[in-house]
Amino acid sequence: MEFFDVAIIGGGIIGGSIAFELAQRRLRVVILERQQPGREASWAAAGMLAPVLDSPADALLMPLAKASFRLYPDFVAAVESASGLRAGFRRKPAIHAFFSPHGESERNAMIADLRRVDVAAEAISAAEARRTEPALGESVQAAVLLPEEASIEPRVLTEAVLAAAARHGAYIRTRVPVTSLQQEGSRVTGLIAGGEKIAASKVVLAAGCFSGAIEGLRRYAPTHPVRGQMVALQPANGTLSHVLRSNRGYVVPRNNGCVVAGSTLENAGFEKYVTPAGLERILAAAVELAPALSDAAILETWAGLRPGTPDELPLLGPTNLEGLLIATGHYRNGILLAPITARLIREWIVDGRTSEPVERFSPLRFLEARRGAGR
């Protein structure tokens, strides 16, 4: 039986980033992935690095999101240096556009909300917005400039992270589904993957929306899939320079000149396919933001399954099983939160404590809630 210091269940951006972080500390690490690594939520993401307020849960997540955003330049530099790959990191302001007759009041309300959580936001007129991004449509009524944002190319980043982890000695095993843990009393001693027993001092669950399917782990990781559909477009003339968003959708420029547009939020179970209705909504929002995209070529369509949780917050940290840690449930923020998640898991494993207050994200919170409900 092989022995590892840490066995990581899941080979997406979260599992790969954790492996890279730990392998740099000379720990013996293995990633166990049920299919080809990086081909689930990480593959489907748009890559906006934006601490935003789309739901009440986002306000609670904001300190962690901002901490991760601050890590990103050094994280990308380390990954690119170790892997020899470029990750498509773009540090440019984003623009949120408002199209309704009440656009200015909606813009002012958004700015007030963002400033309450210490996110930089600047009110700009429609004319100023179009000067900043000429592709923006004439029907814009008002806009917010978000200077502290960036974007990344998730597919390339995930490939680079996995390559960087491997070059630091991490093992990556593909198409080996983990079915259960191995335990001695309340201590985890390893797991069973692809019918093989693998011994490990620590096990990290980072399997996205599939985390709850592993025997005995749903109590810590009650994840569920939330489908998101996406479209890649090649503009006929020119391209965009900035990420553009509205209340209906977004467009994200890539370094190769194409544009990624999204997205839907659908409770469709594990059905991972695009639909005419979903694509219609995405394309309508994209063309409203940048009318020239009406003549763009559709390069690719795809769907991904985000790992949702009952309260839309991630599951991070140790459990009441010694040696078992959880790093899943990142919902729409897996790419953004990868650097801080990797650092936190490394701190728990190596130092036994963390540099960020993360108690609200404990994987024990749903277990404790169920116990309370049963009293």
Protein backbone atom coordinates (compact mmCIF):
# COMPACT_ATOMS: atom_id res chain seq x y z
CA MET A 1 0.00 0.00 0.00
CA GLU A 2 1.35 3.41 -0.96
CA PHE A 3 1.66 6.13 1.70
CA PHE A 4 1.25 9.87 1.24
CA ASP A 5 1.37 12.79 3.61
CA VAL A 6 -1.74 14.21 1.92
CA ALA A 7 -4.27 12.67 -0.46
CA ILE A 8 -6.45 15.21 -2.28
CA ILE A 9 -9.79 14.12 -3.69
CA GLY A 10 -10.42 16.22 -6.80
CA GLY A 11 -8.18 17.56 -9.54
CA GLY A 12 -9.73 20.92 -10.38
CA ILE A 13 -8.35 24.36 -9.63
CA ILE A 14 -8.91 23.93 -5.88
CA GLY A 15 -7.33 20.48 -5.58
CA GLY A 16 -4.48 21.44 -7.90
CA SER A 17 -3.73 24.67 -6.02
CA ILE A 18 -3.66 22.83 -2.70
CA ALA A 19 -1.33 20.20 -4.15
CA PHE A 20 1.01 22.90 -5.50
CA GLU A 21 1.06 24.70 -2.15
CA LEU A 22 1.81 21.50 -0.20
CA ALA A 23 4.29 20.05 -2.68
CA GLN A 24 6.37 23.22 -2.39
CA ARG A 25 6.71 22.33 1.31
CA ARG A 26 8.14 18.94 0.29
CA LEU A 27 5.11 16.98 1.41
CA ARG A 28 4.33 13.77 -0.45
CA VAL A 29 1.03 14.58 -2.15
CA VAL A 30 -1.33 12.70 -4.47
CA ILE A 31 -4.33 14.05 -6.39
CA LEU A 32 -7.08 11.55 -7.12
CA GLU A 33 -9.47 12.60 -9.89
CA ARG A 34 -12.57 10.72 -11.06
CA GLN A 35 -12.02 11.78 -14.68
CA GLN A 36 -9.52 13.99 -16.53
CA PRO A 37 -8.21 16.67 -14.13
CA GLY A 38 -9.54 20.19 -14.53
CA ARG A 39 -12.51 19.26 -16.73
CA GLU A 40 -15.41 20.12 -14.44
CA ALA A 41 -16.25 23.53 -12.94
CA SER A 42 -12.70 24.82 -13.48
CA TRP A 43 -12.98 24.17 -17.22
CA ALA A 44 -16.33 25.95 -17.46
CA ALA A 45 -15.53 29.14 -15.54
CA ALA A 46 -15.35 32.62 -17.07
CA GLY A 47 -12.33 33.66 -15.02
CA MET A 48 -13.45 37.01 -13.56
CA LEU A 49 -11.44 37.86 -10.46
CA ALA A 50 -14.01 40.10 -8.90
CA PRO A 51 -15.12 40.41 -5.27
CA VAL A 52 -18.74 41.29 -6.11
CA LEU A 53 -22.10 41.43 -4.32
CA ASP A 54 -24.55 39.29 -6.27
CA SER A 55 -26.23 37.75 -3.22
CA PRO A 56 -26.40 38.25 0.58
CA ALA A 57 -23.82 35.48 1.01
CA ASP A 58 -21.27 37.49 -0.96
CA ALA A 59 -21.02 40.09 1.81
CA LEU A 60 -19.96 37.35 4.24
CA LEU A 61 -17.45 36.04 1.71
CA MET A 62 -15.95 39.43 0.94
CA PRO A 63 -12.99 39.40 3.40
CA LEU A 64 -11.87 36.01 2.09
CA ALA A 65 -12.41 37.06 -1.53
CA LYS A 66 -10.34 40.21 -1.09
CA ALA A 67 -7.58 38.28 0.70
CA SER A 68 -7.42 35.83 -2.20
CA PHE A 69 -7.42 38.63 -4.78
CA ARG A 70 -4.38 40.17 -3.07
CA LEU A 71 -2.54 36.84 -3.40
CA TYR A 72 -3.26 36.46 -7.10
CA PRO A 73 -0.26 38.24 -8.69
CA ASP A 74 2.26 36.21 -6.66
CA PHE A 75 0.19 33.04 -7.10
CA VAL A 76 0.17 33.42 -10.90
CA ALA A 77 3.87 34.27 -10.98
CA ALA A 78 4.75 31.15 -8.97
CA VAL A 79 2.52 28.90 -11.09
CA GLU A 80 3.86 30.28 -14.36
CA SER A 81 7.46 29.99 -13.19
CA ALA A 82 7.02 26.38 -12.08
CA SER A 83 4.95 25.24 -15.06
CA GLY A 84 6.41 27.25 -17.92
CA LEU A 85 2.84 28.15 -18.99
CA ARG A 86 1.11 31.51 -19.20
CA ALA A 87 -2.22 31.82 -17.38
CA GLY A 88 -3.74 34.81 -19.19
CA PHE A 89 -3.77 37.10 -16.16
CA ARG A 90 -5.19 40.56 -17.06
CA ARG A 91 -5.24 43.35 -14.48
CA LYS A 92 -7.79 45.84 -15.85
CA PRO A 93 -10.83 47.64 -14.42
CA ALA A 94 -14.26 46.20 -15.11
CA ILE A 95 -17.39 48.16 -16.03
CA HIS A 96 -20.86 47.39 -14.72
CA ALA A 97 -23.45 48.94 -17.04
CA PHE A 98 -27.08 49.84 -16.30
CA PHE A 99 -29.65 49.99 -19.10
CA SER A 100 -32.95 50.81 -17.38
CA PRO A 101 -34.43 54.33 -17.14
CA HIS A 102 -33.53 54.18 -13.44
CA GLY A 103 -29.90 53.37 -14.23
CA GLU A 104 -28.40 56.20 -12.22
CA SER A 105 -30.27 55.32 -9.02
CA GLU A 106 -29.39 51.62 -9.49
CA ARG A 107 -25.77 52.59 -10.01
CA ASN A 108 -25.72 54.71 -6.85
CA ALA A 109 -27.26 51.91 -4.80
CA MET A 110 -24.65 49.47 -6.07
CA ILE A 111 -21.80 51.83 -5.22
CA ALA A 112 -23.16 52.34 -1.70
CA ASP A 113 -23.34 48.56 -1.19
CA LEU A 114 -19.81 48.02 -2.46
CA ARG A 115 -18.34 50.80 -0.37
CA ARG A 116 -19.93 49.31 2.75
CA VAL A 117 -17.71 46.27 2.23
CA ASP A 118 -14.70 48.40 1.25
CA VAL A 119 -14.69 47.59 -2.47
CA ALA A 120 -13.47 50.39 -4.73
CA ALA A 121 -16.20 51.65 -7.08
CA GLU A 122 -16.52 54.85 -9.09
CA ALA A 123 -19.68 56.33 -10.61
CA ILE A 124 -19.18 57.22 -14.26
CA SER A 125 -21.55 58.53 -16.89
CA ALA A 126 -22.60 56.57 -19.94
CA ALA A 127 -20.35 58.76 -22.08
CA GLU A 128 -17.35 58.17 -19.80
CA ALA A 129 -18.03 54.43 -19.86
CA ARG A 130 -18.06 54.39 -23.67
CA ARG A 131 -14.83 56.38 -23.82
CA THR A 132 -13.24 53.79 -21.53
CA GLU A 133 -14.64 50.85 -23.52
CA PRO A 134 -15.74 51.89 -27.04
CA ALA A 135 -17.47 48.53 -27.60
CA LEU A 136 -20.08 49.40 -24.96
CA GLY A 137 -23.58 49.93 -26.33
CA GLU A 138 -25.27 53.31 -26.82
CA SER A 139 -28.26 52.31 -24.70
CA VAL A 140 -26.23 52.41 -21.47
CA GLN A 141 -27.76 54.87 -18.99
CA ALA A 142 -25.10 54.81 -16.26
CA ALA A 143 -22.11 52.74 -15.20
CA VAL A 144 -19.78 51.79 -12.37
CA LEU A 145 -16.03 51.56 -12.89
CA LEU A 146 -14.47 48.82 -10.75
CA PRO A 147 -10.74 49.54 -10.73
CA GLU A 148 -9.57 46.67 -8.52
CA GLU A 149 -10.50 43.70 -10.68
CA ALA A 150 -8.74 41.29 -13.01
CA SER A 151 -9.39 38.22 -15.10
CA ILE A 152 -7.64 34.93 -15.82
CA GLU A 153 -8.04 32.13 -18.34
CA PRO A 154 -9.28 29.25 -16.13
CA ARG A 155 -8.49 26.37 -18.46
CA VAL A 156 -4.89 27.46 -18.93
CA LEU A 157 -4.54 28.37 -15.25
CA THR A 158 -5.78 24.96 -14.12
CA GLU A 159 -3.44 23.19 -16.54
CA ALA A 160 -0.56 25.32 -15.28
CA VAL A 161 -1.39 24.71 -11.62
CA LEU A 162 -1.49 20.95 -12.12
CA ALA A 163 1.79 21.04 -14.07
CA ALA A 164 3.39 23.17 -11.36
CA ALA A 165 2.25 20.74 -8.65
CA ALA A 166 3.60 17.78 -10.62
CA ARG A 167 6.96 19.46 -11.17
CA HIS A 168 7.24 19.93 -7.42
CA GLY A 169 6.66 16.21 -6.93
CA ALA A 170 2.90 15.83 -6.58
CA TYR A 171 1.39 12.67 -8.08
CA ILE A 172 -1.72 13.03 -10.24
CA ARG A 173 -3.88 9.98 -10.82
CA THR A 174 -6.70 10.17 -13.31
CA ARG A 175 -9.95 8.23 -13.64
CA VAL A 176 -9.69 6.81 -10.12
CA PRO A 177 -12.95 7.62 -8.33
CA VAL A 178 -12.70 7.72 -4.56
CA THR A 179 -15.46 5.62 -3.01
CA SER A 180 -14.78 5.78 0.73
CA LEU A 181 -12.39 6.73 3.50
CA GLN A 182 -10.34 4.41 5.64
CA GLN A 183 -10.52 5.01 9.37
CA GLU A 184 -9.17 3.84 12.69
CA GLY A 185 -11.78 5.02 15.16
CA SER A 186 -12.21 8.77 14.65
CA ARG A 187 -8.95 9.11 12.71
CA VAL A 188 -8.71 9.02 8.92
CA THR A 189 -5.86 6.80 7.71
CA GLY A 190 -6.42 6.95 3.97
CA LEU A 191 -9.00 6.13 1.35
CA ILE A 192 -10.09 3.67 -1.29
CA ALA A 193 -9.79 4.90 -4.89
CA GLY A 194 -10.40 2.77 -7.96
CA GLY A 195 -10.57 -0.27 -5.70
CA GLU A 196 -7.10 0.44 -4.30
CA LYS A 197 -6.24 1.29 -0.71
CA ILE A 198 -4.13 4.42 -0.33
CA ALA A 199 -2.69 5.38 3.05
CA ALA A 200 -2.43 9.07 3.97
CA SER A 201 -1.88 11.12 7.10
CA LYS A 202 -4.32 13.74 5.81
CA VAL A 203 -7.16 13.62 3.31
CA VAL A 204 -8.49 16.80 1.66
CA LEU A 205 -11.90 16.67 -0.01
CA ALA A 206 -11.93 19.05 -2.99
CA ALA A 207 -14.28 17.28 -5.39
CA GLY A 208 -16.65 20.16 -6.15
CA CYS A 209 -20.30 19.26 -6.62
CA PHE A 210 -19.38 15.55 -6.51
CA SER A 211 -18.04 15.81 -2.93
CA GLY A 212 -21.22 14.62 -1.27
CA ALA A 213 -21.34 11.44 -3.34
CA ILE A 214 -18.44 9.83 -1.47
CA GLU A 215 -19.53 7.45 1.25
CA GLY A 216 -19.82 9.16 4.64
CA LEU A 217 -18.82 12.63 3.45
CA ARG A 218 -22.14 14.28 2.62
CA ARG A 219 -22.60 15.31 6.27
CA TYR A 220 -19.52 17.53 5.90
CA ALA A 221 -20.00 18.49 2.25
CA PRO A 222 -23.71 18.84 1.34
CA THR A 223 -22.86 20.15 -2.12
CA HIS A 224 -25.20 20.24 -5.08
CA PRO A 225 -24.67 21.09 -8.77
CA VAL A 226 -25.71 24.48 -10.14
CA ARG A 227 -25.48 24.50 -13.91
CA GLY A 228 -23.96 27.42 -15.76
CA GLN A 229 -24.01 27.74 -19.55
CA MET A 230 -21.35 29.68 -21.46
CA VAL A 231 -20.53 30.89 -24.98
CA ALA A 232 -17.21 31.81 -26.61
CA LEU A 233 -17.42 34.42 -29.40
CA GLN A 234 -14.98 35.73 -31.98
CA PRO A 235 -15.81 39.38 -32.74
CA ALA A 236 -15.95 40.20 -36.44
CA ASN A 237 -14.21 43.55 -35.96
CA GLY A 238 -11.86 44.40 -33.12
CA THR A 239 -12.36 43.15 -29.58
CA LEU A 240 -13.04 44.32 -26.04
CA SER A 241 -10.46 45.61 -23.62
CA HIS A 242 -12.45 45.39 -20.37
CA VAL A 243 -14.74 42.96 -18.62
CA LEU A 244 -18.30 44.24 -19.04
CA ARG A 245 -21.15 43.28 -16.75
CA SER A 246 -24.83 44.08 -16.34
CA ASN A 247 -27.62 42.68 -14.21
CA ARG A 248 -28.33 40.24 -17.05
CA GLY A 249 -24.89 38.85 -17.92
CA TYR A 250 -21.24 39.54 -18.68
CA VAL A 251 -18.55 39.39 -21.34
CA VAL A 252 -14.90 38.64 -20.58
CA PRO A 253 -12.16 39.33 -23.17
CA ARG A 254 -9.34 36.87 -23.68
CA ASN A 255 -5.78 37.58 -24.78
CA ASN A 256 -6.37 35.79 -28.10
CA GLY A 257 -9.10 38.25 -29.07
CA CYS A 258 -12.13 36.08 -28.37
CA VAL A 259 -14.79 36.91 -25.79
CA VAL A 260 -16.45 34.62 -23.24
CA ALA A 261 -20.08 35.39 -22.38
CA GLY A 262 -22.24 34.02 -19.59
CA SER A 263 -23.95 32.76 -17.64
CA THR A 264 -26.97 30.92 -16.30
CA LEU A 265 -27.77 29.73 -12.77
CA GLU A 266 -29.83 26.54 -13.04
CA ASN A 267 -30.79 23.80 -10.63
CA ALA A 268 -30.74 21.09 -13.28
CA GLY A 269 -29.12 18.31 -11.29
CA PHE A 270 -26.11 16.70 -12.93
CA GLU A 271 -27.41 17.40 -16.46
CA LYS A 272 -24.44 19.16 -18.05
CA TYR A 273 -25.58 20.49 -21.43
CA VAL A 274 -26.50 23.78 -23.05
CA THR A 275 -30.07 24.74 -23.91
CA PRO A 276 -31.59 27.09 -26.51
CA ALA A 277 -33.20 29.18 -23.76
CA GLY A 278 -29.95 29.51 -21.84
CA LEU A 279 -27.93 30.48 -24.89
CA GLU A 280 -30.59 32.98 -25.94
CA ARG A 281 -30.38 34.77 -22.57
CA ILE A 282 -26.59 34.84 -22.62
CA LEU A 283 -26.35 36.15 -26.18
CA ALA A 284 -29.02 38.80 -25.60
CA ALA A 285 -27.14 40.13 -22.57
CA ALA A 286 -23.81 40.05 -24.44
CA VAL A 287 -25.18 41.97 -27.44
CA GLU A 288 -26.85 44.50 -25.14
CA LEU A 289 -23.46 45.15 -23.52
CA ALA A 290 -21.47 45.17 -26.77
CA PRO A 291 -23.73 45.46 -29.85
CA ALA A 292 -20.91 44.58 -32.27
CA LEU A 293 -21.04 41.04 -30.88
CA SER A 294 -24.25 40.51 -32.86
CA ASP A 295 -21.98 39.71 -35.84
CA ALA A 296 -19.50 37.59 -33.86
CA ALA A 297 -18.83 33.97 -34.73
CA ILE A 298 -19.86 31.44 -32.07
CA LEU A 299 -16.70 29.45 -31.38
CA GLU A 300 -17.89 27.17 -28.59
CA THR A 301 -20.74 26.56 -26.20
CA TRP A 302 -20.49 24.58 -22.99
CA ALA A 303 -21.99 24.02 -19.56
CA GLY A 304 -20.44 23.41 -16.16
CA LEU A 305 -21.65 22.37 -12.73
CA ARG A 306 -20.77 24.74 -9.92
CA PRO A 307 -20.53 23.28 -6.41
CA GLY A 308 -23.35 24.97 -4.49
CA THR A 309 -24.01 24.70 -0.75
CA PRO A 310 -27.20 25.36 1.26
CA ASP A 311 -25.98 28.83 2.30
CA GLU A 312 -23.92 29.58 -0.86
CA LEU A 313 -20.70 29.76 1.19
CA PRO A 314 -17.67 27.48 0.80
CA LEU A 315 -16.79 24.60 3.08
CA LEU A 316 -13.27 25.06 4.42
CA GLY A 317 -11.34 23.42 7.19
CA PRO A 318 -10.98 20.43 9.51
CA THR A 319 -13.80 18.09 10.50
CA ASN A 320 -14.43 16.06 13.63
CA LEU A 321 -12.53 13.20 11.98
CA GLU A 322 -8.84 13.64 12.69
CA GLY A 323 -6.97 14.05 9.43
CA LEU A 324 -9.96 14.96 7.23
CA LEU A 325 -10.17 18.47 5.80
CA ILE A 326 -12.74 19.95 3.43
CA ALA A 327 -12.13 22.46 0.62
CA THR A 328 -15.20 22.54 -1.58
CA GLY A 329 -18.51 24.33 -2.17
CA HIS A 330 -16.92 27.43 -3.73
CA TYR A 331 -19.99 27.91 -5.94
CA ARG A 332 -19.22 30.76 -8.40
CA ASN A 333 -15.90 31.69 -6.78
CA GLY A 334 -13.60 28.71 -7.20
CA ILE A 335 -11.15 30.45 -9.50
CA LEU A 336 -11.04 33.59 -7.34
CA LEU A 337 -10.67 31.68 -4.08
CA ALA A 338 -8.05 29.15 -5.21
CA PRO A 339 -4.98 30.96 -3.79
CA ILE A 340 -6.45 31.61 -0.34
CA THR A 341 -7.96 28.14 -0.13
CA ALA A 342 -4.59 26.56 -0.88
CA ARG A 343 -2.88 28.73 1.72
CA LEU A 344 -5.49 27.98 4.40
CA ILE A 345 -5.33 24.22 3.86
CA ARG A 346 -1.53 24.34 3.98
CA GLU A 347 -1.69 26.35 7.22
CA TRP A 348 -4.09 23.87 8.81
CA ILE A 349 -1.92 20.92 7.81
CA VAL A 350 1.53 22.39 8.45
CA ASP A 351 0.93 24.96 11.21
CA GLY A 352 -2.30 23.79 12.84
CA ARG A 353 -3.79 27.30 12.60
CA THR A 354 -4.72 29.85 9.96
CA SER A 355 -3.82 33.45 9.26
CA GLU A 356 -7.41 34.36 8.32
CA PRO A 357 -10.57 34.08 10.47
CA VAL A 358 -12.56 31.38 8.67
CA GLU A 359 -14.80 29.88 11.36
CA ARG A 360 -17.96 30.85 9.42
CA PHE A 361 -16.89 28.47 6.63
CA SER A 362 -16.39 25.43 8.84
CA PRO A 363 -17.67 22.17 7.30
CA LEU A 364 -19.10 21.33 10.72
CA ARG A 365 -21.76 24.04 10.49
CA PHE A 366 -24.36 21.88 8.73
CA LEU A 367 -23.61 18.89 10.93
CA GLU A 368 -24.17 21.04 14.01
CA ALA A 369 -27.37 22.50 12.53
CA ARG A 370 -28.79 19.02 11.99
CA ARG A 371 -27.95 18.05 15.55
CA GLY A 372 -29.66 21.18 16.83
CA ALA A 373 -32.76 20.44 14.78
CA GLY A 374 -32.94 16.98 16.26
CA ARG A 375 -33.02 18.15 19.85
